[in-house]
Amino acid sequence: MIHTRFVQAGCALLLSAQVFANDALNKSVDQVQAQQQKNAQSQAKIDRLHDQEREALQEFRSVNNEIDQLQVYNQQLREIIDNQNTQIASLSDQIKTIEKTQEGIMPLMQRMIDGLEQFVALDLPFLQMEREQRIANLRDLLVSADSTVSEKFRRVLEAYQIELEYGRTIEAYRAKNEEDITVDFLRLGRNALYQLDLNAENPKHWDNKQKAWVELSGEYARQIQKGIRIARQQSAPELLTLPLPKLEGVNRD
């Protein structure tokens, strides 16, 4: 009986020891797991810090690269600006030179137009309205802000060229005469100017010394008519027998 009680007590102690050991083991396992979890969290934190460090390093390198590129760009920009400043200075000098040239050209063109107007007034009175209108247009152009100085000068030279061409050509045209009658005019260069009515009668020539039209003999009507056809390219060129105005200082005897 006593032996049985010892056995039972031993079993109870053994069971208690086993339970205690199990509890201790479970606590150890829990502690290990908790520590592993902490370690995992710490490692995750370390990994995140490493990632952040790597990203920061990449961003730093990227920023440095951008800074290098900006420095190169700024250097190029400075060179461009320096070059532009040089060009601007050169253009400014050119503009000043042009302005000085223009200051001289404008009065020159004015004198040229005045001279052209005087020349037309002293010349044979052919295409009078057309030539006077050309001069009036030049005067308007001269004060226009819409045209460049070079364009104005070109137009003045063009007007002179037209006047020069009149001295090398013959021309026939129809217009009203001094009596407001429509007639045919014949111009032989700048040497002579004739008119003939539409019936091929009443021939006249311009006397530049008298500044008047002078009647011609009827025999010249045929010659003037022939000259008109030649000027209009309706007939082959041939010799014309027409009176020429006497030039001052020239003896025709």
Protein backbone atom coordinates (compact mmCIF):
# COMPACT_ATOMS: atom_id res chain seq x y z
CA MET A 1 0.00 0.00 0.00
CA ILE A 2 2.79 2.28 0.98
CA HIS A 3 4.66 1.23 -2.16
CA THR A 4 1.69 2.11 -4.29
CA ARG A 5 1.52 5.57 -2.83
CA PHE A 6 5.19 6.13 -3.63
CA VAL A 7 4.62 5.06 -7.16
CA GLN A 8 1.68 7.39 -7.50
CA ALA A 9 3.62 10.24 -5.99
CA GLY A 10 6.51 9.56 -8.33
CA CYS A 11 4.23 9.55 -11.31
CA ALA A 12 2.71 12.81 -10.15
CA LEU A 13 6.13 14.34 -9.81
CA LEU A 14 7.15 12.98 -13.18
CA LEU A 15 4.05 14.42 -14.79
CA SER A 16 4.60 17.75 -13.10
CA ALA A 17 8.19 17.82 -14.29
CA GLN A 18 7.10 16.96 -17.82
CA VAL A 19 4.46 19.69 -17.78
CA PHE A 20 7.01 22.15 -16.48
CA ALA A 21 9.47 21.08 -19.15
CA ASN A 22 6.82 21.45 -21.82
CA ASP A 23 5.95 24.92 -20.57
CA ALA A 24 9.58 25.91 -20.54
CA LEU A 25 10.04 24.50 -24.02
CA ASN A 26 6.98 26.32 -25.29
CA LYS A 27 8.22 29.53 -23.74
CA SER A 28 11.59 29.02 -25.35
CA VAL A 29 9.96 28.36 -28.71
CA ASP A 30 7.83 31.44 -28.31
CA GLN A 31 10.85 33.49 -27.37
CA VAL A 32 12.79 32.14 -30.35
CA GLN A 33 9.90 32.87 -32.67
CA ALA A 34 9.50 36.34 -31.19
CA GLN A 35 13.21 36.93 -31.61
CA GLN A 36 13.08 35.61 -35.17
CA GLN A 37 10.18 37.93 -35.88
CA LYS A 38 12.13 40.83 -34.41
CA ASN A 39 15.14 39.80 -36.44
CA ALA A 40 12.99 39.60 -39.57
CA GLN A 41 11.54 43.02 -38.85
CA SER A 42 15.01 44.38 -38.21
CA GLN A 43 16.27 42.81 -41.45
CA ALA A 44 13.31 44.24 -43.33
CA LYS A 45 14.06 47.62 -41.83
CA ILE A 46 17.72 47.23 -42.78
CA ASP A 47 16.70 46.21 -46.31
CA ARG A 48 14.43 49.26 -46.56
CA LEU A 49 17.24 51.46 -45.34
CA HIS A 50 19.58 49.87 -47.89
CA ASP A 51 16.99 50.45 -50.62
CA GLN A 52 16.55 54.04 -49.53
CA GLU A 53 20.30 54.48 -49.42
CA ARG A 54 20.63 52.97 -52.91
CA GLU A 55 17.82 55.18 -54.24
CA ALA A 56 19.36 58.22 -52.59
CA LEU A 57 22.73 57.35 -54.14
CA GLN A 58 21.14 56.92 -57.57
CA GLU A 59 19.29 60.20 -57.17
CA PHE A 60 22.51 61.86 -56.05
CA ARG A 61 24.32 60.53 -59.10
CA SER A 62 21.44 61.58 -61.34
CA VAL A 63 21.43 65.07 -59.84
CA ASN A 64 25.20 65.30 -60.26
CA ASN A 65 24.83 64.20 -63.88
CA GLU A 66 22.16 66.85 -64.45
CA ILE A 67 24.40 69.43 -62.80
CA ASP A 68 27.24 68.45 -65.14
CA GLN A 69 24.91 68.71 -68.13
CA LEU A 70 23.62 72.07 -66.92
CA GLN A 71 27.17 73.32 -66.51
CA VAL A 72 27.98 72.26 -70.08
CA TYR A 73 24.74 73.82 -71.32
CA ASN A 74 25.39 77.03 -69.40
CA GLN A 75 28.87 77.20 -70.88
CA GLN A 76 27.47 76.73 -74.37
CA LEU A 77 24.79 79.31 -73.61
CA ARG A 78 27.41 81.79 -72.44
CA GLU A 79 29.36 81.24 -75.66
CA ILE A 80 26.19 81.75 -77.71
CA ILE A 81 25.33 84.91 -75.78
CA ASP A 82 28.88 86.22 -76.20
CA ASN A 83 28.69 85.49 -79.92
CA GLN A 84 25.29 87.18 -80.18
CA ASN A 85 26.58 90.20 -78.29
CA THR A 86 29.45 90.41 -80.76
CA GLN A 87 27.02 90.18 -83.68
CA ILE A 88 24.73 92.78 -82.10
CA ALA A 89 27.67 95.13 -81.66
CA SER A 90 28.67 94.56 -85.28
CA LEU A 91 25.10 95.12 -86.49
CA SER A 92 24.86 98.24 -84.37
CA ASP A 93 27.99 99.59 -86.05
CA GLN A 94 26.58 98.67 -89.46
CA ILE A 95 23.27 100.35 -88.65
CA LYS A 96 25.09 103.51 -87.62
CA THR A 97 27.02 103.40 -90.89
CA ILE A 98 23.82 102.79 -92.85
CA GLU A 99 22.08 105.61 -91.01
CA LYS A 100 24.91 107.95 -91.93
CA THR A 101 24.73 106.70 -95.51
CA GLN A 102 20.95 107.17 -95.53
CA GLU A 103 21.38 110.69 -94.24
CA GLY A 104 23.43 111.36 -97.35
CA ILE A 105 21.26 109.33 -99.75
CA MET A 106 17.94 110.99 -98.88
CA PRO A 107 19.07 114.51 -99.90
CA LEU A 108 20.76 113.01 -102.95
CA MET A 109 17.51 111.36 -104.06
CA GLN A 110 15.66 114.61 -103.48
CA ARG A 111 18.12 116.44 -105.72
CA MET A 112 17.87 113.68 -108.34
CA ILE A 113 14.07 113.97 -108.42
CA ASP A 114 14.30 117.76 -108.64
CA GLY A 115 16.76 117.40 -111.51
CA LEU A 116 14.52 114.90 -113.25
CA GLU A 117 11.54 117.22 -112.91
CA GLN A 118 13.51 120.11 -114.37
CA PHE A 119 14.76 117.92 -117.19
CA VAL A 120 11.23 116.83 -118.11
CA ALA A 121 10.05 120.44 -118.04
CA LEU A 122 12.81 121.45 -120.47
CA ASP A 123 12.46 118.38 -122.69
CA LEU A 124 10.12 117.71 -125.59
CA PRO A 125 6.54 117.46 -124.26
CA PHE A 126 5.95 113.78 -125.08
CA LEU A 127 4.01 111.54 -122.70
CA GLN A 128 3.83 114.58 -120.48
CA MET A 129 1.19 113.34 -118.03
CA GLU A 130 2.86 109.95 -117.66
CA ARG A 131 6.28 111.43 -116.94
CA GLU A 132 4.96 114.06 -114.53
CA GLN A 133 2.96 111.39 -112.69
CA ARG A 134 6.10 109.25 -112.38
CA ILE A 135 7.89 112.17 -110.71
CA ALA A 136 4.93 112.79 -108.38
CA ASN A 137 4.96 109.11 -107.41
CA LEU A 138 8.66 109.36 -106.61
CA ARG A 139 8.05 112.32 -104.33
CA ASP A 140 5.34 110.38 -102.49
CA LEU A 141 7.64 107.38 -102.24
CA LEU A 142 10.44 109.47 -100.81
CA VAL A 143 8.40 110.38 -97.71
CA SER A 144 6.79 106.96 -97.35
CA ALA A 145 7.65 104.92 -94.25
CA ASP A 146 6.57 101.68 -95.94
CA SER A 147 9.53 101.51 -98.34
CA THR A 148 13.21 101.01 -97.61
CA VAL A 149 15.85 103.48 -98.67
CA SER A 150 17.25 100.93 -101.12
CA GLU A 151 13.81 100.51 -102.74
CA LYS A 152 13.40 104.29 -103.02
CA PHE A 153 16.83 104.64 -104.59
CA ARG A 154 16.11 101.80 -107.00
CA ARG A 155 12.90 103.50 -108.15
CA VAL A 156 14.68 106.82 -108.69
CA LEU A 157 17.37 105.12 -110.78
CA GLU A 158 14.65 103.27 -112.68
CA ALA A 159 13.00 106.59 -113.57
CA TYR A 160 16.33 107.90 -114.85
CA GLN A 161 16.79 104.74 -116.90
CA ILE A 162 13.36 105.20 -118.49
CA GLU A 163 14.23 108.78 -119.44
CA LEU A 164 17.53 107.63 -120.93
CA GLU A 165 15.73 105.03 -123.04
CA TYR A 166 13.55 107.73 -124.58
CA GLY A 167 16.65 109.14 -126.27
CA ARG A 168 17.42 105.80 -127.96
CA THR A 169 14.01 104.88 -129.35
CA ILE A 170 11.26 106.07 -131.63
CA GLU A 171 7.67 105.91 -130.49
CA ALA A 172 4.16 106.50 -131.79
CA TYR A 173 1.22 106.98 -129.46
CA ARG A 174 -2.26 108.47 -129.53
CA ALA A 175 -3.32 111.20 -127.10
CA LYS A 176 -4.97 114.62 -126.90
CA ASN A 177 -3.00 117.61 -128.13
CA GLU A 178 -2.85 121.18 -126.88
CA GLU A 179 -6.30 121.83 -128.40
CA ASP A 180 -7.78 118.79 -126.64
CA ILE A 181 -8.04 116.95 -129.96
CA THR A 182 -7.02 113.31 -130.23
CA VAL A 183 -4.05 112.99 -132.58
CA ASP A 184 -1.15 110.65 -133.33
CA PHE A 185 2.26 111.66 -132.00
CA LEU A 186 5.60 110.55 -133.41
CA ARG A 187 8.75 110.86 -131.30
CA LEU A 188 12.21 110.40 -132.80
CA GLY A 189 14.43 109.88 -129.79
CA ARG A 190 14.79 113.27 -128.16
CA ASN A 191 15.50 114.97 -131.44
CA ALA A 192 12.01 115.68 -132.71
CA LEU A 193 8.33 115.39 -131.87
CA TYR A 194 5.55 115.48 -134.47
CA GLN A 195 1.79 115.22 -134.48
CA LEU A 196 -0.76 114.34 -137.14
CA ASP A 197 -4.55 114.29 -136.86
CA LEU A 198 -6.45 111.05 -137.30
CA ASN A 199 -7.21 111.98 -140.91
CA ALA A 200 -3.45 112.10 -141.59
CA GLU A 201 -3.63 115.88 -141.99
CA ASN A 202 -2.44 119.03 -140.23
CA PRO A 203 1.15 117.96 -139.55
CA LYS A 204 3.02 119.85 -136.82
CA HIS A 205 6.35 119.65 -135.04
CA TRP A 206 7.41 120.89 -131.64
CA ASP A 207 9.74 123.88 -131.51
CA ASN A 208 11.47 123.53 -128.16
CA LYS A 209 13.02 126.97 -128.40
CA GLN A 210 9.64 128.64 -128.81
CA LYS A 211 7.94 126.04 -126.58
CA ALA A 212 5.17 125.79 -129.13
CA TRP A 213 3.78 123.60 -131.90
CA VAL A 214 4.62 124.79 -135.40
CA GLU A 215 2.55 123.86 -138.44
CA LEU A 216 4.34 122.01 -141.23
CA SER A 217 3.73 121.84 -144.91
CA GLY A 218 1.18 119.22 -145.92
CA GLU A 219 3.88 117.34 -147.81
CA TYR A 220 5.29 116.14 -144.48
CA ALA A 221 2.05 114.42 -143.49
CA ARG A 222 2.96 111.37 -145.53
CA GLN A 223 6.43 111.16 -143.97
CA ILE A 224 5.02 111.47 -140.45
CA GLN A 225 2.43 108.79 -141.22
CA LYS A 226 5.21 106.55 -142.51
CA GLY A 227 7.23 107.15 -139.31
CA ILE A 228 4.19 106.25 -137.20
CA ARG A 229 3.85 102.92 -139.02
CA ILE A 230 7.56 102.20 -138.53
CA ALA A 231 7.36 103.02 -134.81
CA ARG A 232 4.39 100.68 -134.44
CA GLN A 233 6.33 98.00 -136.33
CA GLN A 234 3.69 98.00 -139.05
CA SER A 235 6.28 98.85 -141.68
CA ALA A 236 9.97 98.14 -142.30
CA PRO A 237 12.42 100.87 -141.26
CA GLU A 238 13.31 103.33 -143.98
CA LEU A 239 14.68 106.84 -144.37
CA LEU A 240 12.30 109.64 -143.38
CA THR A 241 12.44 113.13 -144.81
CA LEU A 242 11.34 115.36 -141.97
CA PRO A 243 12.47 118.74 -140.65
CA LEU A 244 14.52 118.59 -137.45
CA PRO A 245 14.52 121.43 -134.95
CA LYS A 246 17.63 123.60 -135.07
CA LEU A 247 19.88 122.95 -132.12
CA GLU A 248 21.20 126.01 -130.34
CA GLY A 249 24.84 126.70 -131.10
CA VAL A 250 24.80 124.44 -134.17
CA ASN A 251 25.11 125.97 -137.63
CA ARG A 252 23.26 123.93 -140.23
CA ASP A 253 24.49 126.02 -143.19
